[in-house]
């Protein structure tokens, strides 16, 4: 599945097919390093209570990905050529099913 297709599918599935204003949003921004930042606010979603372990992969100065979760959102910062990997990382985590209290690990 193409990365944006996976993100779109999650968004549509989480909204139960009703496209209406929600309490969460998805933002893609650039970093100064250079790189990308993906932020997905999870409040009000089926992922709001899901835990995860922080992910930090440093391959080279321009090939890296860091992902973490705070109280409200999932954050993924990545190198300038890793945006596709960041989106795939989120969608893989989102598709792992209910946490059942277990901690989930993001896989890059």
PDB file of N, CA and C in Angstrom:
ATOM      1  N   UNK A   1       0.847  -1.173   0.000  1.00  0.00           N
ATOM      2  CA  UNK A   1       0.000   0.000   0.000  1.00  0.00           C
ATOM      3  C   UNK A   1       0.894   1.238   0.000  1.00  0.00           C
ATOM      4  N   UNK A   2       0.522   2.210  -0.782  1.00  0.00           N
ATOM      5  CA  UNK A   2       1.270   3.460  -0.810  1.00  0.00           C
ATOM      6  C   UNK A   2       1.113   4.175   0.520  1.00  0.00           C
ATOM      7  N   UNK A   3       2.148   4.877   0.980  1.00  0.00           N
ATOM      8  CA  UNK A   3       2.106   5.458   2.323  1.00  0.00           C
ATOM      9  C   UNK A   3       0.953   6.433   2.543  1.00  0.00           C
ATOM     10  N   UNK A   4       0.691   7.311   1.585  1.00  0.00           N
ATOM     11  CA  UNK A   4      -0.406   8.250   1.798  1.00  0.00           C
ATOM     12  C   UNK A   4      -1.751   7.535   1.764  1.00  0.00           C
ATOM     13  N   UNK A   5      -1.860   6.457   1.005  1.00  0.00           N
ATOM     14  CA  UNK A   5      -3.096   5.677   0.985  1.00  0.00           C
ATOM     15  C   UNK A   5      -3.362   5.082   2.366  1.00  0.00           C
ATOM     16  N   UNK A   6      -2.315   4.581   3.032  1.00  0.00           N
ATOM     17  CA  UNK A   6      -2.478   4.042   4.375  1.00  0.00           C
ATOM     18  C   UNK A   6      -2.919   5.098   5.371  1.00  0.00           C
ATOM     19  N   UNK A   7      -2.348   6.284   5.280  1.00  0.00           N
ATOM     20  CA  UNK A   7      -2.725   7.387   6.163  1.00  0.00           C
ATOM     21  C   UNK A   7      -4.170   7.805   5.898  1.00  0.00           C
ATOM     22  N   UNK A   8      -4.536   7.898   4.633  1.00  0.00           N
ATOM     23  CA  UNK A   8      -5.913   8.258   4.267  1.00  0.00           C
ATOM     24  C   UNK A   8      -6.902   7.204   4.760  1.00  0.00           C
ATOM     25  N   UNK A   9      -6.551   5.930   4.601  1.00  0.00           N
ATOM     26  CA  UNK A   9      -7.433   4.854   5.055  1.00  0.00           C
ATOM     27  C   UNK A   9      -7.654   4.932   6.560  1.00  0.00           C
ATOM     28  N   UNK A  10      -6.571   5.168   7.325  1.00  0.00           N
ATOM     29  CA  UNK A  10      -6.717   5.284   8.779  1.00  0.00           C
ATOM     30  C   UNK A  10      -7.627   6.455   9.128  1.00  0.00           C
ATOM     31  N   UNK A  11      -7.429   7.586   8.479  1.00  0.00           N
ATOM     32  CA  UNK A  11      -8.224   8.783   8.759  1.00  0.00           C
ATOM     33  C   UNK A  11      -9.697   8.520   8.481  1.00  0.00           C
ATOM     34  N   UNK A  12      -9.997   7.914   7.334  1.00  0.00           N
ATOM     35  CA  UNK A  12     -11.382   7.631   6.982  1.00  0.00           C
ATOM     36  C   UNK A  12     -11.983   6.594   7.921  1.00  0.00           C
ATOM     37  N   UNK A  13     -11.240   5.535   8.224  1.00  0.00           N
ATOM     38  CA  UNK A  13     -11.719   4.486   9.118  1.00  0.00           C
ATOM     39  C   UNK A  13     -11.985   5.043  10.514  1.00  0.00           C
ATOM     40  N   UNK A  14     -11.097   5.904  10.996  1.00  0.00           N
ATOM     41  CA  UNK A  14     -11.266   6.453  12.338  1.00  0.00           C
ATOM     42  C   UNK A  14     -12.440   7.409  12.417  1.00  0.00           C
ATOM     43  N   UNK A  15     -12.801   8.034  11.294  1.00  0.00           N
ATOM     44  CA  UNK A  15     -13.937   8.956  11.306  1.00  0.00           C
ATOM     45  C   UNK A  15     -15.247   8.219  11.057  1.00  0.00           C
ATOM     46  N   UNK A  16     -15.208   6.889  10.974  1.00  0.00           N
ATOM     47  CA  UNK A  16     -16.392   6.060  10.733  1.00  0.00           C
ATOM     48  C   UNK A  16     -17.133   6.467   9.471  1.00  0.00           C
ATOM     49  N   UNK A  17     -16.385   6.947   8.477  1.00  0.00           N
ATOM     50  CA  UNK A  17     -16.993   7.330   7.214  1.00  0.00           C
ATOM     51  C   UNK A  17     -17.666   8.677   7.232  1.00  0.00           C
ATOM     52  N   UNK A  18     -17.693   9.329   8.375  1.00  0.00           N
ATOM     53  CA  UNK A  18     -18.329  10.635   8.483  1.00  0.00           C
ATOM     54  C   UNK A  18     -17.250  11.699   8.496  1.00  0.00           C
ATOM     55  N   UNK A  19     -17.076  12.369   7.380  1.00  0.00           N
ATOM     56  CA  UNK A  19     -16.067  13.421   7.306  1.00  0.00           C
ATOM     57  C   UNK A  19     -16.640  14.677   7.941  1.00  0.00           C
ATOM     58  N   UNK A  20     -16.230  14.935   9.146  1.00  0.00           N
ATOM     59  CA  UNK A  20     -16.708  16.077   9.904  1.00  0.00           C
ATOM     60  C   UNK A  20     -15.556  16.612  10.740  1.00  0.00           C
ATOM     61  N   UNK A  21     -15.690  17.837  11.223  1.00  0.00           N
ATOM     62  CA  UNK A  21     -14.616  18.374  12.065  1.00  0.00           C
ATOM     63  C   UNK A  21     -14.383  17.458  13.265  1.00  0.00           C
ATOM     64  N   UNK A  22     -13.125  17.256  13.605  1.00  0.00           N
ATOM     65  CA  UNK A  22     -12.772  16.385  14.716  1.00  0.00           C
ATOM     66  C   UNK A  22     -11.864  17.123  15.677  1.00  0.00           C
ATOM     67  N   UNK A  23     -11.582  16.471  16.784  1.00  0.00           N
ATOM     68  CA  UNK A  23     -10.704  17.082  17.780  1.00  0.00           C
ATOM     69  C   UNK A  23      -9.244  16.736  17.522  1.00  0.00           C
ATOM     70  N   UNK A  24      -8.948  16.106  16.409  1.00  0.00           N
ATOM     71  CA  UNK A  24      -7.565  15.735  16.112  1.00  0.00           C
ATOM     72  C   UNK A  24      -7.196  16.199  14.717  1.00  0.00           C
ATOM     73  N   UNK A  25      -5.917  16.233  14.469  1.00  0.00           N
ATOM     74  CA  UNK A  25      -5.469  16.629  13.140  1.00  0.00           C
ATOM     75  C   UNK A  25      -4.157  15.941  12.802  1.00  0.00           C
ATOM     76  N   UNK A  26      -3.789  16.056  11.540  1.00  0.00           N
ATOM     77  CA  UNK A  26      -2.548  15.496  11.019  1.00  0.00           C
ATOM     78  C   UNK A  26      -1.765  16.648  10.418  1.00  0.00           C
ATOM     79  N   UNK A  27      -0.514  16.803  10.838  1.00  0.00           N
ATOM     80  CA  UNK A  27       0.323  17.877  10.308  1.00  0.00           C
ATOM     81  C   UNK A  27       1.635  17.302   9.794  1.00  0.00           C
ATOM     82  N   UNK A  28       2.045  17.792   8.635  1.00  0.00           N
ATOM     83  CA  UNK A  28       3.364  17.480   8.088  1.00  0.00           C
ATOM     84  C   UNK A  28       4.076  18.805   7.924  1.00  0.00           C
ATOM     85  N   UNK A  29       5.264  18.912   8.505  1.00  0.00           N
ATOM     86  CA  UNK A  29       6.020  20.162   8.480  1.00  0.00           C
ATOM     87  C   UNK A  29       7.485  19.840   8.185  1.00  0.00           C
ATOM     88  N   UNK A  30       8.256  20.870   7.939  1.00  0.00           N
ATOM     89  CA  UNK A  30       9.687  20.689   7.703  1.00  0.00           C
ATOM     90  C   UNK A  30      10.473  21.068   8.950  1.00  0.00           C
ATOM     91  N   UNK A  31      11.676  20.506   9.062  1.00  0.00           N
ATOM     92  CA  UNK A  31      12.600  20.806  10.152  1.00  0.00           C
ATOM     93  C   UNK A  31      13.778  21.593   9.599  1.00  0.00           C
ATOM     94  N   UNK A  32      14.505  22.252  10.468  1.00  0.00           N
ATOM     95  CA  UNK A  32      15.682  23.017  10.062  1.00  0.00           C
ATOM     96  C   UNK A  32      16.882  22.128   9.740  1.00  0.00           C
ATOM     97  N   UNK A  33      16.838  20.863  10.120  1.00  0.00           N
ATOM     98  CA  UNK A  33      18.038  20.012  10.134  1.00  0.00           C
ATOM     99  C   UNK A  33      18.607  19.586   8.792  1.00  0.00           C
ATOM    100  N   UNK A  34      18.151  19.416   7.662  1.00  0.00           N
ATOM    101  CA  UNK A  34      16.741  19.436   7.234  1.00  0.00           C
ATOM    102  C   UNK A  34      16.071  18.095   7.504  1.00  0.00           C
ATOM    103  N   UNK A  35      14.779  18.099   7.385  1.00  0.00           N
ATOM    104  CA  UNK A  35      14.012  16.891   7.598  1.00  0.00           C
ATOM    105  C   UNK A  35      12.536  17.198   7.653  1.00  0.00           C
ATOM    106  N   UNK A  36      11.786  16.207   8.070  1.00  0.00           N
ATOM    107  CA  UNK A  36      10.332  16.298   8.145  1.00  0.00           C
ATOM    108  C   UNK A  36       9.852  16.032   9.560  1.00  0.00           C
ATOM    109  N   UNK A  37       8.682  16.570   9.888  1.00  0.00           N
ATOM    110  CA  UNK A  37       7.985  16.267  11.139  1.00  0.00           C
ATOM    111  C   UNK A  37       6.555  15.877  10.795  1.00  0.00           C
ATOM    112  N   UNK A  38       6.161  14.717  11.273  1.00  0.00           N
ATOM    113  CA  UNK A  38       4.789  14.239  11.150  1.00  0.00           C
ATOM    114  C   UNK A  38       4.205  14.233  12.551  1.00  0.00           C
ATOM    115  N   UNK A  39       3.089  14.918  12.730  1.00  0.00           N
ATOM    116  CA  UNK A  39       2.426  14.945  14.034  1.00  0.00           C
ATOM    117  C   UNK A  39       0.973  14.564  13.830  1.00  0.00           C
ATOM    118  N   UNK A  40       0.532  13.572  14.584  1.00  0.00           N
ATOM    119  CA  UNK A  40      -0.844  13.114  14.489  1.00  0.00           C
ATOM    120  C   UNK A  40      -1.443  13.170  15.886  1.00  0.00           C
ATOM    121  N   UNK A  41      -2.382  14.086  16.083  1.00  0.00           N
ATOM    122  CA  UNK A  41      -3.063  14.210  17.365  1.00  0.00           C
ATOM    123  C   UNK A  41      -4.022  13.031  17.481  1.00  0.00           C
ATOM    124  N   UNK A  42      -3.922  12.302  18.581  1.00  0.00           N
ATOM    125  CA  UNK A  42      -4.665  11.060  18.745  1.00  0.00           C
ATOM    126  C   UNK A  42      -5.884  11.191  19.646  1.00  0.00           C
ATOM    127  N   UNK A  43      -6.080  12.333  20.284  1.00  0.00           N
ATOM    128  CA  UNK A  43      -7.248  12.531  21.140  1.00  0.00           C
ATOM    129  C   UNK A  43      -8.513  12.253  20.331  1.00  0.00           C
ATOM    130  N   UNK A  44      -9.407  11.457  20.884  1.00  0.00           N
ATOM    131  CA  UNK A  44     -10.663  11.158  20.209  1.00  0.00           C
ATOM    132  C   UNK A  44     -10.568  10.069  19.156  1.00  0.00           C
ATOM    133  N   UNK A  45      -9.405   9.425  19.031  1.00  0.00           N
ATOM    134  CA  UNK A  45      -9.250   8.351  18.047  1.00  0.00           C
ATOM    135  C   UNK A  45      -9.170   7.004  18.749  1.00  0.00           C
ATOM    136  N   UNK A  46      -9.203   5.935  17.963  1.00  0.00           N
ATOM    137  CA  UNK A  46      -9.059   4.601  18.535  1.00  0.00           C
ATOM    138  C   UNK A  46      -7.645   4.331  19.036  1.00  0.00           C
ATOM    139  N   UNK A  47      -6.713   5.243  18.766  1.00  0.00           N
ATOM    140  CA  UNK A  47      -5.323   5.093  19.203  1.00  0.00           C
ATOM    141  C   UNK A  47      -4.992   5.940  20.432  1.00  0.00           C
ATOM    142  N   UNK A  48      -5.964   6.650  20.963  1.00  0.00           N
ATOM    143  CA  UNK A  48      -5.712   7.608  22.040  1.00  0.00           C
ATOM    144  C   UNK A  48      -5.077   6.976  23.274  1.00  0.00           C
ATOM    145  N   UNK A  49      -5.402   5.740  23.575  1.00  0.00           N
ATOM    146  CA  UNK A  49      -4.891   5.085  24.785  1.00  0.00           C
ATOM    147  C   UNK A  49      -3.732   4.138  24.511  1.00  0.00           C
ATOM    148  N   UNK A  50      -3.308   4.043  23.277  1.00  0.00           N
ATOM    149  CA  UNK A  50      -2.263   3.075  22.933  1.00  0.00           C
ATOM    150  C   UNK A  50      -0.881   3.605  23.297  1.00  0.00           C
ATOM    151  N   UNK A  51      -0.113   2.792  24.006  1.00  0.00           N
ATOM    152  CA  UNK A  51       1.263   3.134  24.371  1.00  0.00           C
ATOM    153  C   UNK A  51       2.222   2.652  23.287  1.00  0.00           C
ATOM    154  N   UNK A  52       3.421   3.173  23.327  1.00  0.00           N
ATOM    155  CA  UNK A  52       4.476   2.682  22.456  1.00  0.00           C
ATOM    156  C   UNK A  52       5.824   3.040  23.035  1.00  0.00           C
ATOM    157  N   UNK A  53       6.814   2.333  22.583  1.00  0.00           N
ATOM    158  CA  UNK A  53       8.193   2.652  22.960  1.00  0.00           C
ATOM    159  C   UNK A  53       8.755   3.631  21.951  1.00  0.00           C
ATOM    160  N   UNK A  54       9.583   4.514  22.429  1.00  0.00           N
ATOM    161  CA  UNK A  54      10.237   5.481  21.542  1.00  0.00           C
ATOM    162  C   UNK A  54      11.118   4.751  20.534  1.00  0.00           C
ATOM    163  N   UNK A  55      11.158   5.280  19.324  1.00  0.00           N
ATOM    164  CA  UNK A  55      11.981   4.722  18.252  1.00  0.00           C
ATOM    165  C   UNK A  55      13.023   5.757  17.858  1.00  0.00           C
ATOM    166  N   UNK A  56      14.275   5.351  17.765  1.00  0.00           N
ATOM    167  CA  UNK A  56      15.350   6.242  17.311  1.00  0.00           C
ATOM    168  C   UNK A  56      16.318   5.430  16.462  1.00  0.00           C
ATOM    169  N   UNK A  57      16.341   5.724  15.177  1.00  0.00           N
ATOM    170  CA  UNK A  57      17.245   5.051  14.247  1.00  0.00           C
ATOM    171  C   UNK A  57      18.080   6.117  13.560  1.00  0.00           C
ATOM    172  N   UNK A  58      19.382   6.007  13.692  1.00  0.00           N
ATOM    173  CA  UNK A  58      20.332   6.940  13.077  1.00  0.00           C
ATOM    174  C   UNK A  58      21.185   6.167  12.086  1.00  0.00           C
ATOM    175  N   UNK A  59      20.879   6.249  10.819  1.00  0.00           N
ATOM    176  CA  UNK A  59      21.669   5.544   9.810  1.00  0.00           C
ATOM    177  C   UNK A  59      22.814   6.422   9.314  1.00  0.00           C
ATOM    178  N   UNK A  60      22.468   7.627   8.895  1.00  0.00           N
ATOM    179  CA  UNK A  60      23.456   8.627   8.476  1.00  0.00           C
ATOM    180  C   UNK A  60      22.937   9.985   8.913  1.00  0.00           C
ATOM    181  N   UNK A  61      23.684  11.033   8.605  1.00  0.00           N
ATOM    182  CA  UNK A  61      23.274  12.385   8.983  1.00  0.00           C
ATOM    183  C   UNK A  61      21.961  12.791   8.311  1.00  0.00           C
ATOM    184  N   UNK A  62      21.667  12.220   7.144  1.00  0.00           N
ATOM    185  CA  UNK A  62      20.431  12.579   6.445  1.00  0.00           C
ATOM    186  C   UNK A  62      19.432  11.422   6.360  1.00  0.00           C
ATOM    187  N   UNK A  63      19.742  10.289   6.963  1.00  0.00           N
ATOM    188  CA  UNK A  63      18.878   9.110   6.920  1.00  0.00           C
ATOM    189  C   UNK A  63      18.621   8.656   8.353  1.00  0.00           C
ATOM    190  N   UNK A  64      17.536   9.149   8.930  1.00  0.00           N
ATOM    191  CA  UNK A  64      17.242   8.876  10.328  1.00  0.00           C
ATOM    192  C   UNK A  64      15.743   9.019  10.585  1.00  0.00           C
ATOM    193  N   UNK A  65      15.298   8.462  11.690  1.00  0.00           N
ATOM    194  CA  UNK A  65      13.902   8.591  12.093  1.00  0.00           C
ATOM    195  C   UNK A  65      13.812   8.494  13.615  1.00  0.00           C
ATOM    196  N   UNK A  66      13.042   9.395  14.209  1.00  0.00           N
ATOM    197  CA  UNK A  66      12.772   9.399  15.653  1.00  0.00           C
ATOM    198  C   UNK A  66      11.257   9.469  15.817  1.00  0.00           C
ATOM    199  N   UNK A  67      10.702   8.589  16.612  1.00  0.00           N
ATOM    200  CA  UNK A  67       9.263   8.593  16.848  1.00  0.00           C
ATOM    201  C   UNK A  67       8.999   8.468  18.338  1.00  0.00           C
ATOM    202  N   UNK A  68       8.022   9.211  18.814  1.00  0.00           N
ATOM    203  CA  UNK A  68       7.651   9.162  20.223  1.00  0.00           C
ATOM    204  C   UNK A  68       6.203   9.589  20.362  1.00  0.00           C
ATOM    205  N   UNK A  69       5.681   9.353  21.531  1.00  0.00           N
ATOM    206  CA  UNK A  69       4.301   9.674  21.819  1.00  0.00           C
ATOM    207  C   UNK A  69       4.259  10.513  23.081  1.00  0.00           C
ATOM    208  N   UNK A  70       3.450  11.559  23.086  1.00  0.00           N
ATOM    209  CA  UNK A  70       3.200  12.293  24.320  1.00  0.00           C
ATOM    210  C   UNK A  70       1.734  12.077  24.702  1.00  0.00           C
ATOM    211  N   UNK A  71       1.237  12.875  25.618  1.00  0.00           N
ATOM    212  CA  UNK A  71      -0.117  12.693  26.130  1.00  0.00           C
ATOM    213  C   UNK A  71      -1.187  12.791  25.043  1.00  0.00           C
ATOM    214  N   UNK A  72      -0.936  13.599  24.014  1.00  0.00           N
ATOM    215  CA  UNK A  72      -1.976  13.868  23.021  1.00  0.00           C
ATOM    216  C   UNK A  72      -1.661  13.407  21.603  1.00  0.00           C
ATOM    217  N   UNK A  73      -0.391  13.201  21.274  1.00  0.00           N
ATOM    218  CA  UNK A  73      -0.051  12.995  19.865  1.00  0.00           C
ATOM    219  C   UNK A  73       1.103  12.022  19.679  1.00  0.00           C
ATOM    220  N   UNK A  74       1.185  11.517  18.459  1.00  0.00           N
ATOM    221  CA  UNK A  74       2.332  10.756  18.001  1.00  0.00           C
ATOM    222  C   UNK A  74       3.176  11.700  17.162  1.00  0.00           C
ATOM    223  N   UNK A  75       4.476  11.719  17.403  1.00  0.00           N
ATOM    224  CA  UNK A  75       5.399  12.600  16.685  1.00  0.00           C
ATOM    225  C   UNK A  75       6.449  11.745  15.995  1.00  0.00           C
ATOM    226  N   UNK A  76       6.724  12.062  14.747  1.00  0.00           N
ATOM    227  CA  UNK A  76       7.805  11.388  14.032  1.00  0.00           C
ATOM    228  C   UNK A  76       8.614  12.452  13.311  1.00  0.00           C
ATOM    229  N   UNK A  77       9.873  12.591  13.697  1.00  0.00           N
ATOM    230  CA  UNK A  77      10.822  13.438  12.979  1.00  0.00           C
ATOM    231  C   UNK A  77      11.703  12.508  12.158  1.00  0.00           C
ATOM    232  N   UNK A  78      12.093  12.969  10.968  1.00  0.00           N
ATOM    233  CA  UNK A  78      12.899  12.096  10.114  1.00  0.00           C
ATOM    234  C   UNK A  78      13.745  12.918   9.155  1.00  0.00           C
ATOM    235  N   UNK A  79      14.680  12.244   8.523  1.00  0.00           N
ATOM    236  CA  UNK A  79      15.554  12.878   7.553  1.00  0.00           C
ATOM    237  C   UNK A  79      14.796  13.322   6.308  1.00  0.00           C
ATOM    238  N   UNK A  80      15.458  14.084   5.436  1.00  0.00           N
ATOM    239  CA  UNK A  80      14.794  14.673   4.279  1.00  0.00           C
ATOM    240  C   UNK A  80      14.257  13.655   3.272  1.00  0.00           C
ATOM    241  N   UNK A  81      14.774  12.438   3.283  1.00  0.00           N
ATOM    242  CA  UNK A  81      14.291  11.412   2.352  1.00  0.00           C
ATOM    243  C   UNK A  81      13.507  10.302   3.060  1.00  0.00           C
ATOM    244  N   UNK A  82      13.073  10.557   4.299  1.00  0.00           N
ATOM    245  CA  UNK A  82      12.422   9.518   5.099  1.00  0.00           C
ATOM    246  C   UNK A  82      10.942   9.771   5.380  1.00  0.00           C
ATOM    247  N   UNK A  83      10.313  10.696   4.671  1.00  0.00           N
ATOM    248  CA  UNK A  83       8.898  10.977   4.934  1.00  0.00           C
ATOM    249  C   UNK A  83       8.032   9.746   4.662  1.00  0.00           C
ATOM    250  N   UNK A  84       8.297   9.044   3.584  1.00  0.00           N
ATOM    251  CA  UNK A  84       7.540   7.824   3.288  1.00  0.00           C
ATOM    252  C   UNK A  84       7.694   6.816   4.421  1.00  0.00           C
ATOM    253  N   UNK A  85       8.909   6.646   4.919  1.00  0.00           N
ATOM    254  CA  UNK A  85       9.158   5.732   6.035  1.00  0.00           C
ATOM    255  C   UNK A  85       8.389   6.173   7.279  1.00  0.00           C
ATOM    256  N   UNK A  86       8.323   7.474   7.532  1.00  0.00           N
ATOM    257  CA  UNK A  86       7.597   7.985   8.694  1.00  0.00           C
ATOM    258  C   UNK A  86       6.114   7.643   8.602  1.00  0.00           C
ATOM    259  N   UNK A  87       5.529   7.852   7.442  1.00  0.00           N
ATOM    260  CA  UNK A  87       4.106   7.561   7.271  1.00  0.00           C
ATOM    261  C   UNK A  87       3.856   6.059   7.384  1.00  0.00           C
ATOM    262  N   UNK A  88       4.712   5.251   6.779  1.00  0.00           N
ATOM    263  CA  UNK A  88       4.568   3.795   6.885  1.00  0.00           C
ATOM    264  C   UNK A  88       4.734   3.330   8.325  1.00  0.00           C
ATOM    265  N   UNK A  89       5.619   3.969   9.072  1.00  0.00           N
ATOM    266  CA  UNK A  89       5.820   3.632  10.479  1.00  0.00           C
ATOM    267  C   UNK A  89       4.541   3.879  11.264  1.00  0.00           C
ATOM    268  N   UNK A  90       3.906   5.037  11.038  1.00  0.00           N
ATOM    269  CA  UNK A  90       2.647   5.329  11.725  1.00  0.00           C
ATOM    270  C   UNK A  90       1.565   4.325  11.347  1.00  0.00           C
ATOM    271  N   UNK A  91       1.372   4.099  10.054  1.00  0.00           N
ATOM    272  CA  UNK A  91       0.273   3.222   9.636  1.00  0.00           C
ATOM    273  C   UNK A  91       0.488   1.789  10.122  1.00  0.00           C
ATOM    274  N   UNK A  92       1.727   1.312  10.156  1.00  0.00           N
ATOM    275  CA  UNK A  92       1.993  -0.030  10.685  1.00  0.00           C
ATOM    276  C   UNK A  92       1.621  -0.092  12.162  1.00  0.00           C
ATOM    277  N   UNK A  93       1.968   0.947  12.920  1.00  0.00           N
ATOM    278  CA  UNK A  93       1.627   1.004  14.345  1.00  0.00           C
ATOM    279  C   UNK A  93       0.111   1.065  14.524  1.00  0.00           C
ATOM    280  N   UNK A  94      -0.558   1.865  13.704  1.00  0.00           N
ATOM    281  CA  UNK A  94      -2.006   2.031  13.820  1.00  0.00           C
ATOM    282  C   UNK A  94      -2.752   0.738  13.505  1.00  0.00           C
ATOM    283  N   UNK A  95      -2.176  -0.106  12.666  1.00  0.00           N
ATOM    284  CA  UNK A  95      -2.847  -1.332  12.241  1.00  0.00           C
ATOM    285  C   UNK A  95      -2.540  -2.534  13.123  1.00  0.00           C
ATOM    286  N   UNK A  96      -1.772  -2.365  14.197  1.00  0.00           N
ATOM    287  CA  UNK A  96      -1.402  -3.513  15.028  1.00  0.00           C
ATOM    288  C   UNK A  96      -2.522  -3.981  15.937  1.00  0.00           C
ATOM    289  N   UNK A  97      -3.639  -3.278  15.976  1.00  0.00           N
ATOM    290  CA  UNK A  97      -4.770  -3.707  16.783  1.00  0.00           C
ATOM    291  C   UNK A  97      -4.748  -3.089  18.164  1.00  0.00           C
ATOM    292  N   UNK A  98      -5.802  -3.356  18.944  1.00  0.00           N
ATOM    293  CA  UNK A  98      -5.904  -2.770  20.287  1.00  0.00           C
ATOM    294  C   UNK A  98      -4.727  -3.179  21.163  1.00  0.00           C
ATOM    295  N   UNK A  99      -4.348  -2.276  22.029  1.00  0.00           N
ATOM    296  CA  UNK A  99      -3.173  -2.534  22.859  1.00  0.00           C
ATOM    297  C   UNK A  99      -3.441  -3.536  23.964  1.00  0.00           C
ATOM    298  N   UNK A 100      -4.647  -3.587  24.459  1.00  0.00           N
ATOM    299  CA  UNK A 100      -4.918  -4.499  25.566  1.00  0.00           C
ATOM    300  C   UNK A 100      -4.013  -4.232  26.749  1.00  0.00           C
ATOM    301  N   UNK A 101      -3.552  -2.979  26.888  1.00  0.00           N
ATOM    302  CA  UNK A 101      -2.669  -2.615  27.975  1.00  0.00           C
ATOM    303  C   UNK A 101      -1.214  -2.862  27.672  1.00  0.00           C
ATOM    304  N   UNK A 102      -0.932  -3.508  26.573  1.00  0.00           N
ATOM    305  CA  UNK A 102       0.459  -3.798  26.210  1.00  0.00           C
ATOM    306  C   UNK A 102       1.085  -2.593  25.529  1.00  0.00           C
ATOM    307  N   UNK A 103       2.364  -2.492  25.673  1.00  0.00           N
ATOM    308  CA  UNK A 103       3.097  -1.413  25.026  1.00  0.00           C
ATOM    309  C   UNK A 103       3.441  -1.837  23.607  1.00  0.00           C
ATOM    310  N   UNK A 104       3.229  -0.956  22.652  1.00  0.00           N
ATOM    311  CA  UNK A 104       3.528  -1.264  21.253  1.00  0.00           C
ATOM    312  C   UNK A 104       4.824  -0.596  20.842  1.00  0.00           C
ATOM    313  N   UNK A 105       5.531  -1.257  19.976  1.00  0.00           N
ATOM    314  CA  UNK A 105       6.782  -0.712  19.468  1.00  0.00           C
ATOM    315  C   UNK A 105       6.586  -0.331  18.015  1.00  0.00           C
ATOM    316  N   UNK A 106       7.013   0.869  17.681  1.00  0.00           N
ATOM    317  CA  UNK A 106       7.000   1.294  16.291  1.00  0.00           C
ATOM    318  C   UNK A 106       8.080   0.538  15.557  1.00  0.00           C
ATOM    319  N   UNK A 107       7.797   0.102  14.380  1.00  0.00           N
ATOM    320  CA  UNK A 107       8.784  -0.614  13.566  1.00  0.00           C
ATOM    321  C   UNK A 107       9.065   0.182  12.315  1.00  0.00           C
ATOM    322  N   UNK A 108      10.327   0.454  12.068  1.00  0.00           N
ATOM    323  CA  UNK A 108      10.689   1.196  10.861  1.00  0.00           C
ATOM    324  C   UNK A 108      11.147   0.226   9.808  1.00  0.00           C
TER     325      UNK A 108
END
